[in-house]
């Protein structure tokens, strides 16, 4: 953990959840969230943000899973940052590897989306991480540095922006870097943040880990320096697992 930083546990529900089961899960997570050391953030499908915001009444933070870089326009099927804000979101995940790969999103586009999020009053959670080939070639830090350089907008630190390190090869696979590998990447991210902003804000940016983060490994990962919580995928859909992960802080 980073001294003076409130940890963040973010659950990325991806394309899972209808109204009844989503509300039930969110209420169950919220029931034990009061007074926790960590801030808890749920990022459900966009269809659930408004009903969850109404039902939870601020008990948990809510976020979107993506937004368009334009404020409005002829972008069928997309959603604007202001729409997420209007629905009750305060955060938005951007640059997730599934979007970088499946939708060919470049870091430059991630930056444009992050700028749109900031303009709408949302806190961007910008994801970075290397594919397995780059890890094997010893280019993990280089790839992450390139993504950060091209993805983070001006004002990221002062707005409370979050960096999520998710090694692509670990997402949903059950594989995970060693603790020393996670520590090395998070330290390099912290060093790079100092090149972008003043020391105070560089030290306060939360760097969370994702990529097969679960109830079994969370405690040891969260104990590492510069690991300020987690971006949790599949495990966030299982009540017992997400509660254990939250309690690991």
C-alpha atoms as a PDB file:
ATOM      1  CA  UNK A   1       0.000   0.000   0.000  1.00  0.00           C
ATOM      2  CA  UNK A   2       0.975   3.603  -0.473  1.00  0.00           C
ATOM      3  CA  UNK A   3       1.001   5.645   2.762  1.00  0.00           C
ATOM      4  CA  UNK A   4      -1.733   8.254   2.946  1.00  0.00           C
ATOM      5  CA  UNK A   5      -3.773   6.729   0.099  1.00  0.00           C
ATOM      6  CA  UNK A   6      -7.191   5.171   0.585  1.00  0.00           C
ATOM      7  CA  UNK A   7      -7.197   1.804  -1.207  1.00  0.00           C
ATOM      8  CA  UNK A   8      -9.699   1.082  -3.978  1.00  0.00           C
ATOM      9  CA  UNK A   9     -11.406  -2.211  -4.775  1.00  0.00           C
ATOM     10  CA  UNK A  10     -13.164  -1.963  -8.138  1.00  0.00           C
ATOM     11  CA  UNK A  11     -15.396  -4.719  -9.469  1.00  0.00           C
ATOM     12  CA  UNK A  12     -15.625  -4.885 -13.264  1.00  0.00           C
ATOM     13  CA  UNK A  13     -18.780  -6.858 -14.029  1.00  0.00           C
ATOM     14  CA  UNK A  14     -18.113  -6.743 -17.784  1.00  0.00           C
ATOM     15  CA  UNK A  15     -21.139  -8.015 -19.769  1.00  0.00           C
ATOM     16  CA  UNK A  16     -22.804  -9.744 -16.829  1.00  0.00           C
ATOM     17  CA  UNK A  17     -25.880  -8.825 -14.842  1.00  0.00           C
ATOM     18  CA  UNK A  18     -29.584  -8.232 -15.331  1.00  0.00           C
ATOM     19  CA  UNK A  19     -31.627  -5.982 -13.064  1.00  0.00           C
ATOM     20  CA  UNK A  20     -32.696  -8.477 -10.416  1.00  0.00           C
ATOM     21  CA  UNK A  21     -29.398 -10.288  -9.859  1.00  0.00           C
ATOM     22  CA  UNK A  22     -27.337  -7.104 -10.256  1.00  0.00           C
ATOM     23  CA  UNK A  23     -29.356  -5.270  -7.627  1.00  0.00           C
ATOM     24  CA  UNK A  24     -29.200  -8.226  -5.256  1.00  0.00           C
ATOM     25  CA  UNK A  25     -25.422  -8.545  -5.571  1.00  0.00           C
ATOM     26  CA  UNK A  26     -24.814  -4.799  -5.223  1.00  0.00           C
ATOM     27  CA  UNK A  27     -27.019  -4.564  -2.140  1.00  0.00           C
ATOM     28  CA  UNK A  28     -25.233  -7.523  -0.556  1.00  0.00           C
ATOM     29  CA  UNK A  29     -21.814  -5.971  -1.194  1.00  0.00           C
ATOM     30  CA  UNK A  30     -23.002  -2.591   0.099  1.00  0.00           C
ATOM     31  CA  UNK A  31     -24.376  -4.120   3.288  1.00  0.00           C
ATOM     32  CA  UNK A  32     -20.865  -4.755   4.558  1.00  0.00           C
ATOM     33  CA  UNK A  33     -19.128  -1.748   3.044  1.00  0.00           C
ATOM     34  CA  UNK A  34     -19.753   0.868   5.734  1.00  0.00           C
ATOM     35  CA  UNK A  35     -16.635   1.869   7.627  1.00  0.00           C
ATOM     36  CA  UNK A  36     -14.272  -0.128   5.455  1.00  0.00           C
ATOM     37  CA  UNK A  37     -10.681   0.917   4.993  1.00  0.00           C
ATOM     38  CA  UNK A  38     -11.058   0.620   1.218  1.00  0.00           C
ATOM     39  CA  UNK A  39     -13.297   2.512  -1.168  1.00  0.00           C
ATOM     40  CA  UNK A  40     -15.508   0.042  -3.035  1.00  0.00           C
ATOM     41  CA  UNK A  41     -16.417   0.706  -6.662  1.00  0.00           C
ATOM     42  CA  UNK A  42     -18.774  -1.350  -8.805  1.00  0.00           C
ATOM     43  CA  UNK A  43     -18.676  -1.033 -12.589  1.00  0.00           C
ATOM     44  CA  UNK A  44     -21.761  -2.855 -13.878  1.00  0.00           C
ATOM     45  CA  UNK A  45     -23.164  -2.816 -17.407  1.00  0.00           C
ATOM     46  CA  UNK A  46     -24.380   0.680 -18.298  1.00  0.00           C
ATOM     47  CA  UNK A  47     -28.009  -0.476 -18.110  1.00  0.00           C
ATOM     48  CA  UNK A  48     -27.623  -1.029 -14.358  1.00  0.00           C
ATOM     49  CA  UNK A  49     -25.907   2.178 -13.300  1.00  0.00           C
ATOM     50  CA  UNK A  50     -29.065   4.249 -12.783  1.00  0.00           C
ATOM     51  CA  UNK A  51     -31.050   1.608 -10.865  1.00  0.00           C
ATOM     52  CA  UNK A  52     -28.028   0.793  -8.711  1.00  0.00           C
ATOM     53  CA  UNK A  53     -27.429   4.471  -7.988  1.00  0.00           C
ATOM     54  CA  UNK A  54     -31.020   4.842  -6.858  1.00  0.00           C
ATOM     55  CA  UNK A  55     -31.008   1.658  -4.770  1.00  0.00           C
ATOM     56  CA  UNK A  56     -27.615   2.141  -3.106  1.00  0.00           C
ATOM     57  CA  UNK A  57     -27.959   5.868  -2.348  1.00  0.00           C
ATOM     58  CA  UNK A  58     -24.199   6.435  -2.249  1.00  0.00           C
ATOM     59  CA  UNK A  59     -23.288   3.361  -0.189  1.00  0.00           C
ATOM     60  CA  UNK A  60     -20.834   2.338  -2.930  1.00  0.00           C
ATOM     61  CA  UNK A  61     -19.192   4.193  -5.798  1.00  0.00           C
ATOM     62  CA  UNK A  62     -20.390   3.322  -9.306  1.00  0.00           C
ATOM     63  CA  UNK A  63     -18.555   3.496 -12.601  1.00  0.00           C
ATOM     64  CA  UNK A  64     -18.927   2.843 -16.299  1.00  0.00           C
ATOM     65  CA  UNK A  65     -16.844   0.345 -18.244  1.00  0.00           C
ATOM     66  CA  UNK A  66     -16.094   2.673 -21.159  1.00  0.00           C
ATOM     67  CA  UNK A  67     -17.178   5.960 -22.698  1.00  0.00           C
ATOM     68  CA  UNK A  68     -16.898   7.683 -26.073  1.00  0.00           C
ATOM     69  CA  UNK A  69     -14.518  10.590 -26.522  1.00  0.00           C
ATOM     70  CA  UNK A  70     -17.251  12.775 -28.027  1.00  0.00           C
ATOM     71  CA  UNK A  71     -19.728  14.595 -25.816  1.00  0.00           C
ATOM     72  CA  UNK A  72     -22.595  13.687 -28.157  1.00  0.00           C
ATOM     73  CA  UNK A  73     -23.243  12.813 -31.788  1.00  0.00           C
ATOM     74  CA  UNK A  74     -23.956  10.078 -34.314  1.00  0.00           C
ATOM     75  CA  UNK A  75     -22.191   7.252 -32.503  1.00  0.00           C
ATOM     76  CA  UNK A  76     -24.693   4.399 -32.511  1.00  0.00           C
ATOM     77  CA  UNK A  77     -24.288   2.060 -29.572  1.00  0.00           C
ATOM     78  CA  UNK A  78     -21.780   4.243 -27.706  1.00  0.00           C
ATOM     79  CA  UNK A  79     -22.241   6.154 -24.480  1.00  0.00           C
ATOM     80  CA  UNK A  80     -20.933   9.598 -23.547  1.00  0.00           C
ATOM     81  CA  UNK A  81     -19.163  10.360 -20.291  1.00  0.00           C
ATOM     82  CA  UNK A  82     -21.860  12.875 -19.374  1.00  0.00           C
ATOM     83  CA  UNK A  83     -24.495  10.136 -19.794  1.00  0.00           C
ATOM     84  CA  UNK A  84     -22.645   7.940 -17.304  1.00  0.00           C
ATOM     85  CA  UNK A  85     -22.395  10.857 -14.904  1.00  0.00           C
ATOM     86  CA  UNK A  86     -26.093  11.592 -15.344  1.00  0.00           C
ATOM     87  CA  UNK A  87     -26.933   7.954 -14.561  1.00  0.00           C
ATOM     88  CA  UNK A  88     -25.041   8.104 -11.264  1.00  0.00           C
ATOM     89  CA  UNK A  89     -21.476   7.065 -12.105  1.00  0.00           C
ATOM     90  CA  UNK A  90     -18.458   8.809 -10.618  1.00  0.00           C
ATOM     91  CA  UNK A  91     -15.758   6.670 -12.286  1.00  0.00           C
ATOM     92  CA  UNK A  92     -15.165   5.095 -15.693  1.00  0.00           C
ATOM     93  CA  UNK A  93     -12.776   2.310 -16.735  1.00  0.00           C
ATOM     94  CA  UNK A  94     -10.812   3.179 -19.868  1.00  0.00           C
ATOM     95  CA  UNK A  95      -8.263   1.319 -21.973  1.00  0.00           C
ATOM     96  CA  UNK A  96      -9.075  -2.130 -20.638  1.00  0.00           C
ATOM     97  CA  UNK A  97      -7.064  -4.711 -22.557  1.00  0.00           C
ATOM     98  CA  UNK A  98     -10.250  -6.299 -23.871  1.00  0.00           C
ATOM     99  CA  UNK A  99     -11.063  -3.016 -25.587  1.00  0.00           C
ATOM    100  CA  UNK A 100      -7.481  -2.325 -26.652  1.00  0.00           C
ATOM    101  CA  UNK A 101      -7.328  -5.728 -28.313  1.00  0.00           C
ATOM    102  CA  UNK A 102     -10.856  -6.606 -29.474  1.00  0.00           C
ATOM    103  CA  UNK A 103     -11.743  -3.058 -30.547  1.00  0.00           C
ATOM    104  CA  UNK A 104      -8.234  -1.985 -31.569  1.00  0.00           C
ATOM    105  CA  UNK A 105      -8.317   0.994 -29.227  1.00  0.00           C
ATOM    106  CA  UNK A 106      -5.057   2.916 -29.298  1.00  0.00           C
ATOM    107  CA  UNK A 107      -3.566   4.697 -26.325  1.00  0.00           C
ATOM    108  CA  UNK A 108      -4.218   7.987 -28.110  1.00  0.00           C
ATOM    109  CA  UNK A 109      -7.915   7.186 -28.173  1.00  0.00           C
ATOM    110  CA  UNK A 110      -7.815   6.140 -24.525  1.00  0.00           C
ATOM    111  CA  UNK A 111      -6.347   9.552 -23.746  1.00  0.00           C
ATOM    112  CA  UNK A 112      -9.150  11.282 -25.676  1.00  0.00           C
ATOM    113  CA  UNK A 113     -11.711   9.269 -23.724  1.00  0.00           C
ATOM    114  CA  UNK A 114      -9.983  10.124 -20.449  1.00  0.00           C
ATOM    115  CA  UNK A 115     -10.105  13.806 -21.377  1.00  0.00           C
ATOM    116  CA  UNK A 116     -13.833  13.460 -22.051  1.00  0.00           C
ATOM    117  CA  UNK A 117     -14.295  11.724 -18.703  1.00  0.00           C
ATOM    118  CA  UNK A 118     -12.522  14.517 -16.851  1.00  0.00           C
ATOM    119  CA  UNK A 119     -14.582  17.139 -18.672  1.00  0.00           C
ATOM    120  CA  UNK A 120     -17.760  15.361 -17.549  1.00  0.00           C
ATOM    121  CA  UNK A 121     -16.612  15.130 -13.931  1.00  0.00           C
ATOM    122  CA  UNK A 122     -15.768  11.432 -13.952  1.00  0.00           C
ATOM    123  CA  UNK A 123     -12.622   9.894 -12.470  1.00  0.00           C
ATOM    124  CA  UNK A 124     -10.814   7.796 -15.114  1.00  0.00           C
ATOM    125  CA  UNK A 125      -9.422   4.379 -14.229  1.00  0.00           C
ATOM    126  CA  UNK A 126      -6.850   3.938 -17.005  1.00  0.00           C
ATOM    127  CA  UNK A 127      -5.721   0.366 -17.629  1.00  0.00           C
ATOM    128  CA  UNK A 128      -2.225  -0.543 -18.796  1.00  0.00           C
ATOM    129  CA  UNK A 129      -0.520  -3.899 -19.199  1.00  0.00           C
ATOM    130  CA  UNK A 130       1.668  -6.012 -21.441  1.00  0.00           C
ATOM    131  CA  UNK A 131       0.792  -9.028 -23.627  1.00  0.00           C
ATOM    132  CA  UNK A 132       2.541 -12.299 -22.838  1.00  0.00           C
ATOM    133  CA  UNK A 133       4.986 -12.003 -25.758  1.00  0.00           C
ATOM    134  CA  UNK A 134       6.295  -8.696 -24.426  1.00  0.00           C
ATOM    135  CA  UNK A 135       6.592 -10.129 -20.927  1.00  0.00           C
ATOM    136  CA  UNK A 136       8.666 -13.026 -22.255  1.00  0.00           C
ATOM    137  CA  UNK A 137      10.866 -10.608 -24.218  1.00  0.00           C
ATOM    138  CA  UNK A 138      11.505  -8.544 -21.082  1.00  0.00           C
ATOM    139  CA  UNK A 139       9.569  -5.550 -22.443  1.00  0.00           C
ATOM    140  CA  UNK A 140       6.848  -5.359 -19.785  1.00  0.00           C
ATOM    141  CA  UNK A 141       8.013  -2.088 -18.217  1.00  0.00           C
ATOM    142  CA  UNK A 142       8.652  -0.544 -21.633  1.00  0.00           C
ATOM    143  CA  UNK A 143       5.164  -1.403 -22.905  1.00  0.00           C
ATOM    144  CA  UNK A 144       3.487  -0.097 -19.762  1.00  0.00           C
ATOM    145  CA  UNK A 145       5.516   3.121 -19.948  1.00  0.00           C
ATOM    146  CA  UNK A 146       4.494   3.641 -23.588  1.00  0.00           C
ATOM    147  CA  UNK A 147       0.828   3.119 -22.744  1.00  0.00           C
ATOM    148  CA  UNK A 148       0.974   5.540 -19.821  1.00  0.00           C
ATOM    149  CA  UNK A 149       2.800   8.198 -21.823  1.00  0.00           C
ATOM    150  CA  UNK A 150       0.161   8.098 -24.546  1.00  0.00           C
ATOM    151  CA  UNK A 151      -2.937   7.435 -22.388  1.00  0.00           C
ATOM    152  CA  UNK A 152      -2.812   9.779 -19.389  1.00  0.00           C
ATOM    153  CA  UNK A 153      -4.319  13.246 -19.947  1.00  0.00           C
ATOM    154  CA  UNK A 154      -3.418  16.564 -18.353  1.00  0.00           C
ATOM    155  CA  UNK A 155      -5.108  16.899 -14.979  1.00  0.00           C
ATOM    156  CA  UNK A 156      -5.178  13.147 -14.368  1.00  0.00           C
ATOM    157  CA  UNK A 157      -3.508  13.364 -10.965  1.00  0.00           C
ATOM    158  CA  UNK A 158      -5.356  16.397  -9.635  1.00  0.00           C
ATOM    159  CA  UNK A 159      -8.692  14.778 -10.585  1.00  0.00           C
ATOM    160  CA  UNK A 160      -7.924  11.622  -8.591  1.00  0.00           C
ATOM    161  CA  UNK A 161      -7.219   9.423 -11.621  1.00  0.00           C
ATOM    162  CA  UNK A 162      -6.426   5.751 -11.035  1.00  0.00           C
ATOM    163  CA  UNK A 163      -3.934   3.571 -12.920  1.00  0.00           C
ATOM    164  CA  UNK A 164      -4.824  -0.120 -13.161  1.00  0.00           C
ATOM    165  CA  UNK A 165      -2.003  -2.502 -14.044  1.00  0.00           C
ATOM    166  CA  UNK A 166      -3.452  -5.588 -15.720  1.00  0.00           C
ATOM    167  CA  UNK A 167      -0.985  -7.910 -17.446  1.00  0.00           C
ATOM    168  CA  UNK A 168      -2.978  -9.004 -20.494  1.00  0.00           C
ATOM    169  CA  UNK A 169      -1.890 -12.621 -20.223  1.00  0.00           C
ATOM    170  CA  UNK A 170      -3.209 -12.878 -16.648  1.00  0.00           C
ATOM    171  CA  UNK A 171      -6.756 -11.595 -17.243  1.00  0.00           C
ATOM    172  CA  UNK A 172      -9.245 -14.418 -16.772  1.00  0.00           C
ATOM    173  CA  UNK A 173      -6.566 -17.085 -17.168  1.00  0.00           C
ATOM    174  CA  UNK A 174      -5.750 -17.852 -13.563  1.00  0.00           C
ATOM    175  CA  UNK A 175      -2.086 -17.117 -14.339  1.00  0.00           C
ATOM    176  CA  UNK A 176      -0.491 -14.303 -12.391  1.00  0.00           C
ATOM    177  CA  UNK A 177       2.895 -12.573 -12.209  1.00  0.00           C
ATOM    178  CA  UNK A 178       5.087 -13.261  -9.204  1.00  0.00           C
ATOM    179  CA  UNK A 179       4.845 -10.828  -6.309  1.00  0.00           C
ATOM    180  CA  UNK A 180       8.257  -9.415  -7.218  1.00  0.00           C
ATOM    181  CA  UNK A 181       7.139  -8.857 -10.827  1.00  0.00           C
ATOM    182  CA  UNK A 182       4.015  -7.022  -9.664  1.00  0.00           C
ATOM    183  CA  UNK A 183       6.078  -4.934  -7.261  1.00  0.00           C
ATOM    184  CA  UNK A 184       8.561  -4.009 -10.010  1.00  0.00           C
ATOM    185  CA  UNK A 185       5.864  -2.836 -12.443  1.00  0.00           C
ATOM    186  CA  UNK A 186       3.989  -0.858  -9.820  1.00  0.00           C
ATOM    187  CA  UNK A 187       7.232   0.819  -8.735  1.00  0.00           C
ATOM    188  CA  UNK A 188       7.997   1.733 -12.348  1.00  0.00           C
ATOM    189  CA  UNK A 189       4.490   3.194 -12.737  1.00  0.00           C
ATOM    190  CA  UNK A 190       5.007   5.315  -9.618  1.00  0.00           C
ATOM    191  CA  UNK A 191       8.340   6.557 -10.961  1.00  0.00           C
ATOM    192  CA  UNK A 192       6.754   7.470 -14.282  1.00  0.00           C
ATOM    193  CA  UNK A 193       3.958   9.382 -12.545  1.00  0.00           C
ATOM    194  CA  UNK A 194       6.634  11.621 -11.015  1.00  0.00           C
ATOM    195  CA  UNK A 195       7.613  12.639 -14.552  1.00  0.00           C
ATOM    196  CA  UNK A 196       4.050  13.763 -15.331  1.00  0.00           C
ATOM    197  CA  UNK A 197       3.019  15.694 -12.239  1.00  0.00           C
ATOM    198  CA  UNK A 198       4.183  17.272  -9.010  1.00  0.00           C
ATOM    199  CA  UNK A 199       5.436  15.030  -6.235  1.00  0.00           C
ATOM    200  CA  UNK A 200       2.324  15.351  -4.058  1.00  0.00           C
ATOM    201  CA  UNK A 201      -0.104  14.204  -6.736  1.00  0.00           C
ATOM    202  CA  UNK A 202       2.286  11.569  -8.093  1.00  0.00           C
ATOM    203  CA  UNK A 203       2.359   9.984  -4.640  1.00  0.00           C
ATOM    204  CA  UNK A 204      -1.422  10.105  -4.239  1.00  0.00           C
ATOM    205  CA  UNK A 205      -2.430   8.470  -7.530  1.00  0.00           C
ATOM    206  CA  UNK A 206      -3.790   5.034  -6.730  1.00  0.00           C
ATOM    207  CA  UNK A 207      -2.182   2.169  -8.655  1.00  0.00           C
ATOM    208  CA  UNK A 208      -4.362  -0.937  -8.477  1.00  0.00           C
ATOM    209  CA  UNK A 209      -3.635  -4.453  -9.663  1.00  0.00           C
ATOM    210  CA  UNK A 210      -5.886  -6.565 -11.896  1.00  0.00           C
ATOM    211  CA  UNK A 211      -5.478  -9.829 -13.728  1.00  0.00           C
ATOM    212  CA  UNK A 212      -6.774 -12.956 -11.968  1.00  0.00           C
ATOM    213  CA  UNK A 213      -6.951 -11.116  -8.646  1.00  0.00           C
ATOM    214  CA  UNK A 214      -9.005 -13.305  -6.304  1.00  0.00           C
ATOM    215  CA  UNK A 215      -9.751 -14.108  -2.671  1.00  0.00           C
ATOM    216  CA  UNK A 216      -6.738 -16.434  -2.462  1.00  0.00           C
ATOM    217  CA  UNK A 217      -4.012 -14.070  -3.663  1.00  0.00           C
ATOM    218  CA  UNK A 218      -5.435 -10.634  -2.841  1.00  0.00           C
ATOM    219  CA  UNK A 219      -3.940 -10.227   0.636  1.00  0.00           C
ATOM    220  CA  UNK A 220      -0.362 -10.905  -0.477  1.00  0.00           C
ATOM    221  CA  UNK A 221      -0.726  -8.636  -3.525  1.00  0.00           C
ATOM    222  CA  UNK A 222      -2.262  -5.755  -1.573  1.00  0.00           C
ATOM    223  CA  UNK A 223       0.584  -5.910   0.946  1.00  0.00           C
ATOM    224  CA  UNK A 224       3.099  -4.884  -1.736  1.00  0.00           C
ATOM    225  CA  UNK A 225       4.420  -1.309  -1.938  1.00  0.00           C
ATOM    226  CA  UNK A 226       2.575   0.879  -4.481  1.00  0.00           C
ATOM    227  CA  UNK A 227      -0.324  -1.590  -4.773  1.00  0.00           C
ATOM    228  CA  UNK A 228      -3.337   0.420  -3.712  1.00  0.00           C
ATOM    229  CA  UNK A 229      -6.094  -2.112  -4.251  1.00  0.00           C
ATOM    230  CA  UNK A 230      -7.439  -4.126  -7.136  1.00  0.00           C
ATOM    231  CA  UNK A 231      -9.500  -4.107 -10.308  1.00  0.00           C
ATOM    232  CA  UNK A 232     -11.373  -7.371  -9.991  1.00  0.00           C
ATOM    233  CA  UNK A 233     -13.113  -9.163 -12.862  1.00  0.00           C
ATOM    234  CA  UNK A 234     -14.882 -12.507 -12.485  1.00  0.00           C
ATOM    235  CA  UNK A 235     -14.385 -12.705  -8.722  1.00  0.00           C
ATOM    236  CA  UNK A 236     -16.406  -9.498  -8.290  1.00  0.00           C
ATOM    237  CA  UNK A 237     -19.503 -11.373  -9.470  1.00  0.00           C
ATOM    238  CA  UNK A 238     -19.264 -13.850  -6.584  1.00  0.00           C
ATOM    239  CA  UNK A 239     -20.406 -12.387  -3.282  1.00  0.00           C
ATOM    240  CA  UNK A 240     -18.160 -14.451  -1.001  1.00  0.00           C
ATOM    241  CA  UNK A 241     -15.112 -13.768  -3.169  1.00  0.00           C
ATOM    242  CA  UNK A 242     -15.553 -10.014  -3.479  1.00  0.00           C
ATOM    243  CA  UNK A 243     -16.206  -9.713   0.266  1.00  0.00           C
ATOM    244  CA  UNK A 244     -13.007 -11.621   0.998  1.00  0.00           C
ATOM    245  CA  UNK A 245     -11.059  -9.448  -1.412  1.00  0.00           C
ATOM    246  CA  UNK A 246     -12.409  -6.267   0.179  1.00  0.00           C
ATOM    247  CA  UNK A 247     -11.542  -7.618   3.627  1.00  0.00           C
ATOM    248  CA  UNK A 248      -7.982  -8.345   2.459  1.00  0.00           C
ATOM    249  CA  UNK A 249      -7.105  -4.645   2.536  1.00  0.00           C
END
